[in-house]
Amino acid sequence: MPQPKRFRLACLLGLFAATMMLAAAPSQAAISQEKAAELITEQFGVEVLRIRAGALDDRPVWYVTVMQPEGSSNATFQVHILAVDQESGELLPSFRHRESGYIKPPPPAGGGRP
């Protein structure tokens, strides 16, 4: 085998090995906790109370606990838990339809109302 072909083959094998190692490495969250809080605050004008990591349908998410600001409506000071996809930063729906109905979001850590 001539030298240039061996060199190309070695480069291709090295590139393939590097690609496989990157694919097998655990993924880091593309959206940090701070960035998720910033996105939710800007988008909805709420106060972020807490953020915790979790999984929703086998996707890594940030559970963001928020409180609506003071105002003159009945929704004032209501607390909600929103799920933000850690990879894309998208807000995920609270209710997901299933064959036998829907499922509710998880309760807050440490108890709380069902």
Protein backbone atom coordinates (compact mmCIF):
# COMPACT_ATOMS: atom_id res chain seq x y z
CA MET A 1 0.00 0.00 0.00
CA PRO A 2 1.52 3.40 -0.95
CA GLN A 3 2.18 5.96 1.82
CA PRO A 4 -0.58 8.49 0.94
CA LYS A 5 -3.27 5.79 1.16
CA ARG A 6 -2.01 4.64 4.57
CA PHE A 7 -1.97 8.21 5.81
CA ARG A 8 -5.54 8.80 4.60
CA LEU A 9 -6.68 5.53 6.16
CA ALA A 10 -5.04 6.43 9.49
CA CYS A 11 -6.69 9.89 9.42
CA LEU A 12 -10.09 8.40 8.66
CA LEU A 13 -9.74 5.82 11.45
CA GLY A 14 -8.66 8.52 13.89
CA LEU A 15 -11.59 10.73 12.90
CA PHE A 16 -13.99 7.80 13.28
CA ALA A 17 -12.59 6.96 16.74
CA ALA A 18 -12.87 10.59 17.88
CA THR A 19 -16.46 10.77 16.63
CA MET A 20 -17.38 7.58 18.50
CA MET A 21 -15.82 8.86 21.74
CA LEU A 22 -17.75 12.13 21.50
CA ALA A 23 -21.00 10.31 20.79
CA ALA A 24 -20.49 8.03 23.82
CA ALA A 25 -19.58 10.88 26.19
CA PRO A 26 -22.36 12.02 28.54
CA SER A 27 -24.00 15.17 27.27
CA GLN A 28 -23.73 18.39 29.20
CA ALA A 29 -26.77 20.58 29.59
CA ALA A 30 -26.86 23.13 26.80
CA ILE A 31 -29.01 25.41 28.96
CA SER A 32 -27.70 26.17 32.46
CA GLN A 33 -29.95 26.68 35.47
CA GLU A 34 -29.26 30.41 35.35
CA LYS A 35 -30.07 30.62 31.64
CA ALA A 36 -33.33 28.65 32.13
CA ALA A 37 -34.36 31.04 34.93
CA GLU A 38 -33.52 34.03 32.74
CA LEU A 39 -35.54 32.67 29.79
CA ILE A 40 -38.62 31.98 31.93
CA THR A 41 -38.42 35.36 33.67
CA GLU A 42 -38.16 37.23 30.36
CA GLN A 43 -40.86 35.19 28.63
CA PHE A 44 -43.51 35.20 31.37
CA GLY A 45 -42.59 38.04 33.74
CA VAL A 46 -42.61 35.76 36.80
CA GLU A 47 -40.31 35.44 39.80
CA VAL A 48 -38.18 32.27 39.81
CA LEU A 49 -38.22 30.70 43.26
CA ARG A 50 -36.27 27.52 42.67
CA ILE A 51 -34.76 25.29 39.98
CA ARG A 52 -34.02 21.58 40.18
CA ALA A 53 -32.85 19.01 37.66
CA GLY A 54 -35.12 16.18 36.60
CA ALA A 55 -36.27 14.01 33.72
CA LEU A 56 -39.48 14.13 31.75
CA ASP A 57 -40.18 11.39 29.18
CA ASP A 58 -36.48 10.42 29.37
CA ARG A 59 -35.40 13.98 28.55
CA PRO A 60 -33.26 15.99 30.96
CA VAL A 61 -35.20 19.03 32.13
CA TRP A 62 -35.00 21.86 34.61
CA TYR A 63 -38.04 22.07 36.86
CA VAL A 64 -38.47 25.80 37.45
CA THR A 65 -40.73 26.83 40.33
CA VAL A 66 -42.15 30.29 39.64
CA MET A 67 -44.53 32.73 41.30
CA GLN A 68 -46.71 35.19 39.45
CA PRO A 69 -46.09 38.83 40.46
CA GLU A 70 -48.38 40.95 42.57
CA GLY A 71 -51.30 42.32 40.63
CA SER A 72 -55.02 42.86 40.73
CA SER A 73 -56.15 39.48 39.41
CA ASN A 74 -57.05 36.21 41.12
CA ALA A 75 -53.85 34.68 39.74
CA THR A 76 -51.66 36.88 41.95
CA PHE A 77 -48.98 34.98 43.89
CA GLN A 78 -49.85 31.61 42.35
CA VAL A 79 -46.93 29.19 42.26
CA HIS A 80 -46.32 26.96 39.22
CA ILE A 81 -43.71 24.39 38.24
CA LEU A 82 -42.54 24.66 34.63
CA ALA A 83 -40.38 22.12 32.79
CA VAL A 84 -37.63 23.51 30.56
CA ASP A 85 -35.75 21.17 28.20
CA GLN A 86 -32.05 21.26 29.17
CA GLU A 87 -30.91 20.80 25.57
CA SER A 88 -33.07 23.29 23.69
CA GLY A 89 -34.36 25.64 26.39
CA GLU A 90 -37.94 25.05 25.22
CA LEU A 91 -40.82 25.08 27.67
CA LEU A 92 -42.43 21.64 27.76
CA PRO A 93 -46.18 21.21 28.21
CA SER A 94 -47.40 20.42 31.73
CA PHE A 95 -50.02 17.97 30.53
CA ARG A 96 -49.16 15.30 28.00
CA HIS A 97 -51.93 13.25 26.42
CA ARG A 98 -51.57 9.49 26.63
CA GLU A 99 -53.70 6.63 25.35
CA SER A 100 -55.57 6.47 28.65
CA GLY A 101 -55.78 10.18 29.36
CA TYR A 102 -53.06 12.54 30.53
CA ILE A 103 -50.42 12.75 33.23
CA LYS A 104 -49.86 15.62 35.60
CA PRO A 105 -46.44 17.20 36.28
CA PRO A 106 -44.54 15.84 39.29
CA PRO A 107 -45.28 17.27 42.74
CA PRO A 108 -42.69 19.58 44.29
CA ALA A 109 -39.87 17.94 46.20
CA GLY A 110 -40.42 17.65 49.93
CA GLY A 111 -44.13 16.97 49.79
CA GLY A 112 -46.67 19.60 49.04
CA ARG A 113 -50.16 19.29 47.76
CA PRO A 114 -50.88 16.56 45.20
